[in-house]
């Protein structure tokens, strides 16, 4: 079983990873509708929250508290877009890792691979368990603390009032679904790409062992026969072929790492920008309001541009 199977199952449930069986026909249309619905909850929750922050900017403390949450959700939106854009590239990367050169050739190399696979599964399970327990506690807190007072956990702009229980129930459910989806996107994204980098580390370990074994008969089944026949020309050719395979393997690993890192650049900038905004606003409550208004608009525009 792939060490990334959990990530792909969650992404599939979140409408971000269409399987081969759902790529054609009615199933494809149904999954596209599912994807649109998932985007509606996350992007709708984020957009309404930002709109509420812009409209209620006069109440500085409340606006900044809401802004912190919305910046986190903007980051989630960026992650969702990134996964959709780079899905084909991620699949190609994983196919690259599935070729003969990148797979273990004996029990020792298979043991190296399995150790990294276990590490990936362990880290993913720990991170997922922590995040899922947090989600459960937040949802419980919504019903215990906010529902009896008919208040919303997060302030978003609404075209209607919450005087009726039906309206309140719909909006609260909308916030819970959007917040839960955002949490699961964070779980999968924050473990998927680091896990791919760990798989690249496993390839470096395989390459290291193969380089150390260049002169060993275990690396080439015909090498011992060539030595016994004292055929120096064929021995040299065999060593050159083995060495060339190691160099090719190394270049393949470099391409893999470069592809993963290049796909991370835009989102790393987005996360960094969101963190900068949080840091600055937490320390600027004493500044003149006009200064904060200009800084707020500038940062929101810059974060949104990074999502494009």
C-alpha atoms as a PDB file:
ATOM      1  CA  UNK A   1       0.000   0.000   0.000  1.00  0.00           C
ATOM      2  CA  UNK A   2       1.251   3.470  -0.885  1.00  0.00           C
ATOM      3  CA  UNK A   3       2.375   5.606   2.083  1.00  0.00           C
ATOM      4  CA  UNK A   4       0.356   8.468   0.548  1.00  0.00           C
ATOM      5  CA  UNK A   5      -2.941   6.572   0.282  1.00  0.00           C
ATOM      6  CA  UNK A   6      -4.494   8.474   3.229  1.00  0.00           C
ATOM      7  CA  UNK A   7      -3.736  11.828   1.591  1.00  0.00           C
ATOM      8  CA  UNK A   8      -5.317  10.854  -1.706  1.00  0.00           C
ATOM      9  CA  UNK A   9      -8.442   9.449  -0.046  1.00  0.00           C
ATOM     10  CA  UNK A  10      -8.998  12.677   1.885  1.00  0.00           C
ATOM     11  CA  UNK A  11      -8.304  14.811  -1.189  1.00  0.00           C
ATOM     12  CA  UNK A  12     -10.766  12.700  -3.140  1.00  0.00           C
ATOM     13  CA  UNK A  13     -13.450  13.280  -0.490  1.00  0.00           C
ATOM     14  CA  UNK A  14     -12.689  17.022  -0.577  1.00  0.00           C
ATOM     15  CA  UNK A  15     -13.250  17.107  -4.350  1.00  0.00           C
ATOM     16  CA  UNK A  16      -9.608  17.773  -5.186  1.00  0.00           C
ATOM     17  CA  UNK A  17      -8.430  14.423  -6.538  1.00  0.00           C
ATOM     18  CA  UNK A  18     -10.418  12.752  -9.307  1.00  0.00           C
ATOM     19  CA  UNK A  19      -9.617   9.051  -9.601  1.00  0.00           C
ATOM     20  CA  UNK A  20      -9.218   7.289 -12.949  1.00  0.00           C
ATOM     21  CA  UNK A  21     -12.553   5.535 -12.544  1.00  0.00           C
ATOM     22  CA  UNK A  22     -14.323   8.921 -12.336  1.00  0.00           C
ATOM     23  CA  UNK A  23     -12.568  10.635 -15.242  1.00  0.00           C
ATOM     24  CA  UNK A  24     -15.199   9.941 -17.921  1.00  0.00           C
ATOM     25  CA  UNK A  25     -18.944   9.885 -18.368  1.00  0.00           C
ATOM     26  CA  UNK A  26     -21.574  10.633 -15.742  1.00  0.00           C
ATOM     27  CA  UNK A  27     -19.188   9.919 -12.887  1.00  0.00           C
ATOM     28  CA  UNK A  28     -16.945  12.740 -14.085  1.00  0.00           C
ATOM     29  CA  UNK A  29     -19.874  15.179 -14.111  1.00  0.00           C
ATOM     30  CA  UNK A  30     -20.953  14.089 -10.642  1.00  0.00           C
ATOM     31  CA  UNK A  31     -17.444  14.522  -9.268  1.00  0.00           C
ATOM     32  CA  UNK A  32     -17.162  17.974 -10.894  1.00  0.00           C
ATOM     33  CA  UNK A  33     -20.384  18.978  -9.136  1.00  0.00           C
ATOM     34  CA  UNK A  34     -18.937  17.631  -5.886  1.00  0.00           C
ATOM     35  CA  UNK A  35     -15.770  19.701  -6.437  1.00  0.00           C
ATOM     36  CA  UNK A  36     -17.810  22.853  -7.087  1.00  0.00           C
ATOM     37  CA  UNK A  37     -19.783  22.247  -3.881  1.00  0.00           C
ATOM     38  CA  UNK A  38     -16.578  21.877  -1.841  1.00  0.00           C
ATOM     39  CA  UNK A  39     -15.206  25.097  -3.328  1.00  0.00           C
ATOM     40  CA  UNK A  40     -18.504  26.829  -2.572  1.00  0.00           C
ATOM     41  CA  UNK A  41     -18.257  26.037   1.136  1.00  0.00           C
ATOM     42  CA  UNK A  42     -14.569  26.992   1.558  1.00  0.00           C
ATOM     43  CA  UNK A  43     -14.406  29.994  -0.781  1.00  0.00           C
ATOM     44  CA  UNK A  44     -17.872  31.194   0.242  1.00  0.00           C
ATOM     45  CA  UNK A  45     -16.969  31.075   3.937  1.00  0.00           C
ATOM     46  CA  UNK A  46     -13.694  32.894   3.225  1.00  0.00           C
ATOM     47  CA  UNK A  47     -15.238  35.537   0.980  1.00  0.00           C
ATOM     48  CA  UNK A  48     -18.102  36.347   3.350  1.00  0.00           C
ATOM     49  CA  UNK A  49     -15.657  36.555   6.245  1.00  0.00           C
ATOM     50  CA  UNK A  50     -13.399  39.001   4.392  1.00  0.00           C
ATOM     51  CA  UNK A  51     -16.418  41.082   3.379  1.00  0.00           C
ATOM     52  CA  UNK A  52     -17.581  41.264   7.002  1.00  0.00           C
ATOM     53  CA  UNK A  53     -14.074  42.333   8.059  1.00  0.00           C
ATOM     54  CA  UNK A  54     -14.028  45.094   5.447  1.00  0.00           C
ATOM     55  CA  UNK A  55     -17.467  46.377   6.406  1.00  0.00           C
ATOM     56  CA  UNK A  56     -16.867  46.277  10.168  1.00  0.00           C
ATOM     57  CA  UNK A  57     -13.321  47.655  10.126  1.00  0.00           C
ATOM     58  CA  UNK A  58     -14.383  50.458  12.498  1.00  0.00           C
ATOM     59  CA  UNK A  59     -14.375  47.932  15.350  1.00  0.00           C
ATOM     60  CA  UNK A  60     -10.625  47.339  15.189  1.00  0.00           C
ATOM     61  CA  UNK A  61     -10.232  44.558  17.749  1.00  0.00           C
ATOM     62  CA  UNK A  62     -13.116  42.512  16.350  1.00  0.00           C
ATOM     63  CA  UNK A  63     -11.962  43.028  12.757  1.00  0.00           C
ATOM     64  CA  UNK A  64      -8.410  41.882  13.498  1.00  0.00           C
ATOM     65  CA  UNK A  65      -9.646  38.790  15.351  1.00  0.00           C
ATOM     66  CA  UNK A  66     -11.770  37.893  12.338  1.00  0.00           C
ATOM     67  CA  UNK A  67      -8.922  38.748   9.973  1.00  0.00           C
ATOM     68  CA  UNK A  68      -6.640  36.156  11.550  1.00  0.00           C
ATOM     69  CA  UNK A  69      -9.121  33.381  10.764  1.00  0.00           C
ATOM     70  CA  UNK A  70      -9.812  34.634   7.250  1.00  0.00           C
ATOM     71  CA  UNK A  71      -6.099  34.791   6.402  1.00  0.00           C
ATOM     72  CA  UNK A  72      -5.812  31.141   7.402  1.00  0.00           C
ATOM     73  CA  UNK A  73      -8.762  30.328   5.146  1.00  0.00           C
ATOM     74  CA  UNK A  74      -7.163  32.289   2.278  1.00  0.00           C
ATOM     75  CA  UNK A  75      -4.177  30.011   2.694  1.00  0.00           C
ATOM     76  CA  UNK A  76      -6.519  27.001   2.473  1.00  0.00           C
ATOM     77  CA  UNK A  77      -8.007  28.399  -0.742  1.00  0.00           C
ATOM     78  CA  UNK A  78      -4.490  28.726  -2.149  1.00  0.00           C
ATOM     79  CA  UNK A  79      -3.759  25.108  -1.220  1.00  0.00           C
ATOM     80  CA  UNK A  80      -6.908  23.885  -2.942  1.00  0.00           C
ATOM     81  CA  UNK A  81      -6.034  25.754  -6.124  1.00  0.00           C
ATOM     82  CA  UNK A  82      -2.441  24.507  -5.953  1.00  0.00           C
ATOM     83  CA  UNK A  83      -3.540  20.877  -5.668  1.00  0.00           C
ATOM     84  CA  UNK A  84      -5.841  21.195  -8.680  1.00  0.00           C
ATOM     85  CA  UNK A  85      -3.195  22.948 -10.773  1.00  0.00           C
ATOM     86  CA  UNK A  86      -0.363  20.560  -9.892  1.00  0.00           C
ATOM     87  CA  UNK A  87      -2.342  17.309  -9.771  1.00  0.00           C
ATOM     88  CA  UNK A  88      -0.962  16.105 -13.116  1.00  0.00           C
ATOM     89  CA  UNK A  89       2.569  17.009 -12.018  1.00  0.00           C
ATOM     90  CA  UNK A  90       2.176  15.175  -8.698  1.00  0.00           C
ATOM     91  CA  UNK A  91       0.934  12.063 -10.508  1.00  0.00           C
ATOM     92  CA  UNK A  92       3.924  12.259 -12.865  1.00  0.00           C
ATOM     93  CA  UNK A  93       6.278  12.547  -9.870  1.00  0.00           C
ATOM     94  CA  UNK A  94       4.802   9.465  -8.249  1.00  0.00           C
ATOM     95  CA  UNK A  95       5.038   7.540 -11.528  1.00  0.00           C
ATOM     96  CA  UNK A  96       8.712   8.516 -11.675  1.00  0.00           C
ATOM     97  CA  UNK A  97       9.220   6.938  -8.261  1.00  0.00           C
ATOM     98  CA  UNK A  98       7.586   3.742  -9.507  1.00  0.00           C
ATOM     99  CA  UNK A  99      10.105   2.916 -12.243  1.00  0.00           C
ATOM    100  CA  UNK A 100      12.585   0.053 -11.804  1.00  0.00           C
ATOM    101  CA  UNK A 101      15.521   2.361 -11.088  1.00  0.00           C
ATOM    102  CA  UNK A 102      13.718   3.871  -8.077  1.00  0.00           C
ATOM    103  CA  UNK A 103      12.547   0.584  -6.550  1.00  0.00           C
ATOM    104  CA  UNK A 104      14.432  -1.695  -4.236  1.00  0.00           C
ATOM    105  CA  UNK A 105      16.357  -4.448  -6.006  1.00  0.00           C
ATOM    106  CA  UNK A 106      17.009  -6.690  -3.012  1.00  0.00           C
ATOM    107  CA  UNK A 107      15.945  -7.187   0.582  1.00  0.00           C
ATOM    108  CA  UNK A 108      18.301  -4.510   1.951  1.00  0.00           C
ATOM    109  CA  UNK A 109      17.028  -1.832  -0.440  1.00  0.00           C
ATOM    110  CA  UNK A 110      13.428  -2.862   0.188  1.00  0.00           C
ATOM    111  CA  UNK A 111      14.117  -2.502   3.918  1.00  0.00           C
ATOM    112  CA  UNK A 112      15.356   1.063   3.318  1.00  0.00           C
ATOM    113  CA  UNK A 113      12.206   1.888   1.365  1.00  0.00           C
ATOM    114  CA  UNK A 114       9.933   0.374   3.985  1.00  0.00           C
ATOM    115  CA  UNK A 115      11.594   2.330   6.800  1.00  0.00           C
ATOM    116  CA  UNK A 116      10.810   5.605   5.019  1.00  0.00           C
ATOM    117  CA  UNK A 117       7.267   4.448   4.225  1.00  0.00           C
ATOM    118  CA  UNK A 118       6.670   3.673   7.896  1.00  0.00           C
ATOM    119  CA  UNK A 119       8.043   7.087   8.870  1.00  0.00           C
ATOM    120  CA  UNK A 120       5.693   8.806   6.419  1.00  0.00           C
ATOM    121  CA  UNK A 121       2.674   6.837   7.666  1.00  0.00           C
ATOM    122  CA  UNK A 122       3.554   7.534  11.306  1.00  0.00           C
ATOM    123  CA  UNK A 123       3.960  11.283  10.809  1.00  0.00           C
ATOM    124  CA  UNK A 124       0.767  11.490   8.759  1.00  0.00           C
ATOM    125  CA  UNK A 125      -1.236   9.562  11.378  1.00  0.00           C
ATOM    126  CA  UNK A 126       0.073  11.715  14.246  1.00  0.00           C
ATOM    127  CA  UNK A 127      -0.611  14.973  12.410  1.00  0.00           C
ATOM    128  CA  UNK A 128      -4.049  13.784  11.256  1.00  0.00           C
ATOM    129  CA  UNK A 129      -5.039  12.540  14.722  1.00  0.00           C
ATOM    130  CA  UNK A 130      -4.031  15.852  16.310  1.00  0.00           C
ATOM    131  CA  UNK A 131      -5.878  17.916  13.706  1.00  0.00           C
ATOM    132  CA  UNK A 132      -8.992  15.736  13.778  1.00  0.00           C
ATOM    133  CA  UNK A 133      -9.218  15.902  17.568  1.00  0.00           C
ATOM    134  CA  UNK A 134      -8.949  19.687  17.313  1.00  0.00           C
ATOM    135  CA  UNK A 135     -11.762  19.759  14.763  1.00  0.00           C
ATOM    136  CA  UNK A 136     -13.960  17.619  17.004  1.00  0.00           C
ATOM    137  CA  UNK A 137     -13.337  19.896  20.004  1.00  0.00           C
ATOM    138  CA  UNK A 138     -14.084  23.008  17.940  1.00  0.00           C
ATOM    139  CA  UNK A 139     -17.373  21.590  16.657  1.00  0.00           C
ATOM    140  CA  UNK A 140     -18.335  20.556  20.186  1.00  0.00           C
ATOM    141  CA  UNK A 141     -17.498  24.074  21.373  1.00  0.00           C
ATOM    142  CA  UNK A 142     -19.718  25.537  18.630  1.00  0.00           C
ATOM    143  CA  UNK A 143     -22.752  23.672  19.934  1.00  0.00           C
ATOM    144  CA  UNK A 144     -21.994  24.121  23.634  1.00  0.00           C
ATOM    145  CA  UNK A 145     -20.919  27.778  23.642  1.00  0.00           C
ATOM    146  CA  UNK A 146     -22.392  29.515  20.591  1.00  0.00           C
ATOM    147  CA  UNK A 147     -25.539  27.577  19.690  1.00  0.00           C
ATOM    148  CA  UNK A 148     -27.438  28.237  22.965  1.00  0.00           C
ATOM    149  CA  UNK A 149     -26.838  31.983  22.527  1.00  0.00           C
ATOM    150  CA  UNK A 150     -27.562  31.803  18.783  1.00  0.00           C
ATOM    151  CA  UNK A 151     -24.190  33.340  17.928  1.00  0.00           C
ATOM    152  CA  UNK A 152     -21.830  32.438  15.107  1.00  0.00           C
ATOM    153  CA  UNK A 153     -18.300  31.167  15.872  1.00  0.00           C
ATOM    154  CA  UNK A 154     -16.888  33.320  13.052  1.00  0.00           C
ATOM    155  CA  UNK A 155     -18.290  36.615  11.879  1.00  0.00           C
ATOM    156  CA  UNK A 156     -19.322  36.580   8.227  1.00  0.00           C
ATOM    157  CA  UNK A 157     -21.452  38.931   6.172  1.00  0.00           C
ATOM    158  CA  UNK A 158     -25.015  37.680   5.757  1.00  0.00           C
ATOM    159  CA  UNK A 159     -27.826  38.973   3.510  1.00  0.00           C
ATOM    160  CA  UNK A 160     -30.395  37.810   6.093  1.00  0.00           C
ATOM    161  CA  UNK A 161     -30.839  37.938   9.852  1.00  0.00           C
ATOM    162  CA  UNK A 162     -30.573  35.044  12.297  1.00  0.00           C
ATOM    163  CA  UNK A 163     -33.826  35.591  14.122  1.00  0.00           C
ATOM    164  CA  UNK A 164     -35.235  32.209  13.135  1.00  0.00           C
ATOM    165  CA  UNK A 165     -33.787  28.882  14.201  1.00  0.00           C
ATOM    166  CA  UNK A 166     -33.834  27.656  10.603  1.00  0.00           C
ATOM    167  CA  UNK A 167     -31.650  30.511   9.333  1.00  0.00           C
ATOM    168  CA  UNK A 168     -29.246  30.129  12.229  1.00  0.00           C
ATOM    169  CA  UNK A 169     -28.988  26.369  11.725  1.00  0.00           C
ATOM    170  CA  UNK A 170     -28.231  26.792   8.001  1.00  0.00           C
ATOM    171  CA  UNK A 171     -25.513  29.411   8.591  1.00  0.00           C
ATOM    172  CA  UNK A 172     -23.938  27.490  11.495  1.00  0.00           C
ATOM    173  CA  UNK A 173     -23.833  24.318   9.377  1.00  0.00           C
ATOM    174  CA  UNK A 174     -22.274  26.322   6.545  1.00  0.00           C
ATOM    175  CA  UNK A 175     -19.509  27.568   8.865  1.00  0.00           C
ATOM    176  CA  UNK A 176     -18.881  24.106  10.338  1.00  0.00           C
ATOM    177  CA  UNK A 177     -18.579  22.504   6.890  1.00  0.00           C
ATOM    178  CA  UNK A 178     -16.293  25.262   5.588  1.00  0.00           C
ATOM    179  CA  UNK A 179     -14.076  25.133   8.666  1.00  0.00           C
ATOM    180  CA  UNK A 180     -13.903  21.308   8.638  1.00  0.00           C
ATOM    181  CA  UNK A 181     -13.034  21.164   4.935  1.00  0.00           C
ATOM    182  CA  UNK A 182     -10.329  23.758   5.477  1.00  0.00           C
ATOM    183  CA  UNK A 183      -8.839  21.703   8.292  1.00  0.00           C
ATOM    184  CA  UNK A 184      -8.749  18.522   6.194  1.00  0.00           C
ATOM    185  CA  UNK A 185      -7.167  20.354   3.257  1.00  0.00           C
ATOM    186  CA  UNK A 186      -4.478  21.579   5.650  1.00  0.00           C
ATOM    187  CA  UNK A 187      -3.919  18.029   6.934  1.00  0.00           C
ATOM    188  CA  UNK A 188      -3.459  16.529   3.484  1.00  0.00           C
ATOM    189  CA  UNK A 189      -1.448  19.356   1.953  1.00  0.00           C
ATOM    190  CA  UNK A 190       0.867  19.818   4.918  1.00  0.00           C
ATOM    191  CA  UNK A 191       1.697  16.098   4.915  1.00  0.00           C
ATOM    192  CA  UNK A 192       1.602  15.318   1.175  1.00  0.00           C
ATOM    193  CA  UNK A 193       4.486  17.405  -0.113  1.00  0.00           C
ATOM    194  CA  UNK A 194       6.812  16.747   2.863  1.00  0.00           C
ATOM    195  CA  UNK A 195       6.059  13.055   2.368  1.00  0.00           C
ATOM    196  CA  UNK A 196       7.121  13.301  -1.275  1.00  0.00           C
ATOM    197  CA  UNK A 197      10.359  14.918  -0.120  1.00  0.00           C
ATOM    198  CA  UNK A 198      10.869  12.014   2.291  1.00  0.00           C
ATOM    199  CA  UNK A 199      10.411   9.635  -0.638  1.00  0.00           C
ATOM    200  CA  UNK A 200      13.167  11.596  -2.402  1.00  0.00           C
ATOM    201  CA  UNK A 201      15.337  11.118   0.701  1.00  0.00           C
ATOM    202  CA  UNK A 202      14.705   7.382   0.425  1.00  0.00           C
ATOM    203  CA  UNK A 203      16.005   7.530  -3.145  1.00  0.00           C
ATOM    204  CA  UNK A 204      19.181   9.238  -1.933  1.00  0.00           C
ATOM    205  CA  UNK A 205      19.682   6.398   0.564  1.00  0.00           C
ATOM    206  CA  UNK A 206      19.218   3.817  -2.195  1.00  0.00           C
ATOM    207  CA  UNK A 207      21.668   5.691  -4.398  1.00  0.00           C
ATOM    208  CA  UNK A 208      24.199   5.914  -1.558  1.00  0.00           C
ATOM    209  CA  UNK A 209      24.069   2.164  -1.031  1.00  0.00           C
ATOM    210  CA  UNK A 210      24.400   1.432  -4.748  1.00  0.00           C
ATOM    211  CA  UNK A 211      27.447   3.684  -5.038  1.00  0.00           C
ATOM    212  CA  UNK A 212      29.050   1.866  -2.105  1.00  0.00           C
ATOM    213  CA  UNK A 213      28.305  -1.434  -3.808  1.00  0.00           C
ATOM    214  CA  UNK A 214      29.741  -0.506  -7.212  1.00  0.00           C
ATOM    215  CA  UNK A 215      32.457  -3.172  -7.006  1.00  0.00           C
ATOM    216  CA  UNK A 216      30.358  -5.842  -5.339  1.00  0.00           C
ATOM    217  CA  UNK A 217      29.175  -8.874  -7.228  1.00  0.00           C
ATOM    218  CA  UNK A 218      25.700  -8.476  -5.654  1.00  0.00           C
ATOM    219  CA  UNK A 219      25.121  -5.363  -7.727  1.00  0.00           C
ATOM    220  CA  UNK A 220      25.620  -7.155 -11.030  1.00  0.00           C
ATOM    221  CA  UNK A 221      24.859 -10.836 -11.432  1.00  0.00           C
ATOM    222  CA  UNK A 222      27.224 -11.191 -14.402  1.00  0.00           C
ATOM    223  CA  UNK A 223      30.126  -9.401 -12.756  1.00  0.00           C
ATOM    224  CA  UNK A 224      31.529 -12.525 -11.031  1.00  0.00           C
ATOM    225  CA  UNK A 225      31.490 -14.452 -14.309  1.00  0.00           C
ATOM    226  CA  UNK A 226      33.389 -11.666 -16.057  1.00  0.00           C
ATOM    227  CA  UNK A 227      36.011 -11.658 -13.305  1.00  0.00           C
ATOM    228  CA  UNK A 228      36.448 -15.420 -13.597  1.00  0.00           C
ATOM    229  CA  UNK A 229      36.835 -15.117 -17.377  1.00  0.00           C
ATOM    230  CA  UNK A 230      39.345 -12.287 -16.877  1.00  0.00           C
ATOM    231  CA  UNK A 231      37.594 -10.265 -19.576  1.00  0.00           C
ATOM    232  CA  UNK A 232      38.845  -6.779 -18.678  1.00  0.00           C
ATOM    233  CA  UNK A 233      36.999  -5.044 -21.530  1.00  0.00           C
ATOM    234  CA  UNK A 234      33.618  -6.396 -20.498  1.00  0.00           C
ATOM    235  CA  UNK A 235      34.405  -5.762 -16.818  1.00  0.00           C
ATOM    236  CA  UNK A 236      35.159  -2.101 -17.625  1.00  0.00           C
ATOM    237  CA  UNK A 237      31.999  -1.807 -19.704  1.00  0.00           C
ATOM    238  CA  UNK A 238      29.940  -3.361 -16.900  1.00  0.00           C
ATOM    239  CA  UNK A 239      31.376  -0.935 -14.335  1.00  0.00           C
ATOM    240  CA  UNK A 240      30.777   2.014 -16.651  1.00  0.00           C
ATOM    241  CA  UNK A 241      27.146   0.948 -17.185  1.00  0.00           C
ATOM    242  CA  UNK A 242      26.604   0.568 -13.450  1.00  0.00           C
ATOM    243  CA  UNK A 243      28.199   3.945 -12.737  1.00  0.00           C
ATOM    244  CA  UNK A 244      26.128   5.576 -15.508  1.00  0.00           C
ATOM    245  CA  UNK A 245      22.962   4.148 -13.923  1.00  0.00           C
ATOM    246  CA  UNK A 246      23.940   5.705 -10.588  1.00  0.00           C
ATOM    247  CA  UNK A 247      24.506   9.089 -12.246  1.00  0.00           C
ATOM    248  CA  UNK A 248      21.160   8.810 -14.038  1.00  0.00           C
ATOM    249  CA  UNK A 249      19.503   7.941 -10.734  1.00  0.00           C
ATOM    250  CA  UNK A 250      21.077  11.000  -9.093  1.00  0.00           C
ATOM    251  CA  UNK A 251      19.881  13.318 -11.875  1.00  0.00           C
ATOM    252  CA  UNK A 252      16.405  11.836 -11.571  1.00  0.00           C
ATOM    253  CA  UNK A 253      16.356  12.593  -7.832  1.00  0.00           C
ATOM    254  CA  UNK A 254      17.475  16.204  -8.464  1.00  0.00           C
ATOM    255  CA  UNK A 255      14.683  16.662 -11.014  1.00  0.00           C
ATOM    256  CA  UNK A 256      12.190  15.207  -8.555  1.00  0.00           C
ATOM    257  CA  UNK A 257      13.223  17.541  -5.738  1.00  0.00           C
ATOM    258  CA  UNK A 258      13.287  20.566  -8.045  1.00  0.00           C
ATOM    259  CA  UNK A 259       9.773  19.792  -9.307  1.00  0.00           C
ATOM    260  CA  UNK A 260       8.416  19.489  -5.749  1.00  0.00           C
ATOM    261  CA  UNK A 261      10.120  22.662  -4.516  1.00  0.00           C
ATOM    262  CA  UNK A 262       9.055  24.685  -7.573  1.00  0.00           C
ATOM    263  CA  UNK A 263       5.424  23.738  -6.955  1.00  0.00           C
ATOM    264  CA  UNK A 264       5.763  24.956  -3.341  1.00  0.00           C
ATOM    265  CA  UNK A 265       7.125  28.436  -4.072  1.00  0.00           C
ATOM    266  CA  UNK A 266       3.831  30.227  -4.683  1.00  0.00           C
ATOM    267  CA  UNK A 267       2.101  28.758  -1.648  1.00  0.00           C
ATOM    268  CA  UNK A 268       5.096  29.338   0.616  1.00  0.00           C
ATOM    269  CA  UNK A 269       4.931  33.006  -0.390  1.00  0.00           C
ATOM    270  CA  UNK A 270       1.207  33.012   0.389  1.00  0.00           C
ATOM    271  CA  UNK A 271       1.695  31.460   3.826  1.00  0.00           C
ATOM    272  CA  UNK A 272       4.567  33.826   4.567  1.00  0.00           C
ATOM    273  CA  UNK A 273       2.489  36.831   3.569  1.00  0.00           C
ATOM    274  CA  UNK A 274      -0.441  35.707   5.719  1.00  0.00           C
ATOM    275  CA  UNK A 275       1.884  35.246   8.694  1.00  0.00           C
ATOM    276  CA  UNK A 276       3.363  38.701   8.135  1.00  0.00           C
ATOM    277  CA  UNK A 277      -0.081  40.271   8.155  1.00  0.00           C
ATOM    278  CA  UNK A 278      -0.974  38.515  11.411  1.00  0.00           C
ATOM    279  CA  UNK A 279       2.285  39.618  13.031  1.00  0.00           C
ATOM    280  CA  UNK A 280       1.991  43.246  11.973  1.00  0.00           C
ATOM    281  CA  UNK A 281      -1.634  43.681  12.965  1.00  0.00           C
ATOM    282  CA  UNK A 282      -1.148  42.114  16.369  1.00  0.00           C
ATOM    283  CA  UNK A 283       1.396  44.844  17.131  1.00  0.00           C
ATOM    284  CA  UNK A 284      -0.200  47.864  15.454  1.00  0.00           C
ATOM    285  CA  UNK A 285      -3.386  48.414  17.432  1.00  0.00           C
ATOM    286  CA  UNK A 286      -2.043  51.709  18.781  1.00  0.00           C
ATOM    287  CA  UNK A 287      -1.345  53.185  15.328  1.00  0.00           C
ATOM    288  CA  UNK A 288      -3.612  55.812  13.679  1.00  0.00           C
ATOM    289  CA  UNK A 289      -6.686  54.300  12.056  1.00  0.00           C
ATOM    290  CA  UNK A 290      -5.948  55.719   8.575  1.00  0.00           C
ATOM    291  CA  UNK A 291      -2.565  53.986   8.646  1.00  0.00           C
ATOM    292  CA  UNK A 292      -4.181  50.675   9.574  1.00  0.00           C
ATOM    293  CA  UNK A 293      -6.826  51.090   6.854  1.00  0.00           C
ATOM    294  CA  UNK A 294      -4.179  51.555   4.158  1.00  0.00           C
ATOM    295  CA  UNK A 295      -2.058  48.684   5.485  1.00  0.00           C
ATOM    296  CA  UNK A 296      -5.079  46.407   5.719  1.00  0.00           C
ATOM    297  CA  UNK A 297      -6.183  47.012   2.112  1.00  0.00           C
ATOM    298  CA  UNK A 298      -2.613  46.620   0.828  1.00  0.00           C
ATOM    299  CA  UNK A 299      -2.096  43.290   2.591  1.00  0.00           C
ATOM    300  CA  UNK A 300      -5.461  41.852   1.577  1.00  0.00           C
ATOM    301  CA  UNK A 301      -4.771  42.728  -2.088  1.00  0.00           C
ATOM    302  CA  UNK A 302      -1.271  41.275  -1.940  1.00  0.00           C
ATOM    303  CA  UNK A 303      -2.505  38.014  -0.410  1.00  0.00           C
ATOM    304  CA  UNK A 304      -5.283  37.700  -3.002  1.00  0.00           C
ATOM    305  CA  UNK A 305      -2.828  38.368  -5.850  1.00  0.00           C
ATOM    306  CA  UNK A 306      -0.642  35.507  -4.619  1.00  0.00           C
ATOM    307  CA  UNK A 307      -3.624  33.177  -5.039  1.00  0.00           C
ATOM    308  CA  UNK A 308      -3.918  34.038  -8.745  1.00  0.00           C
END
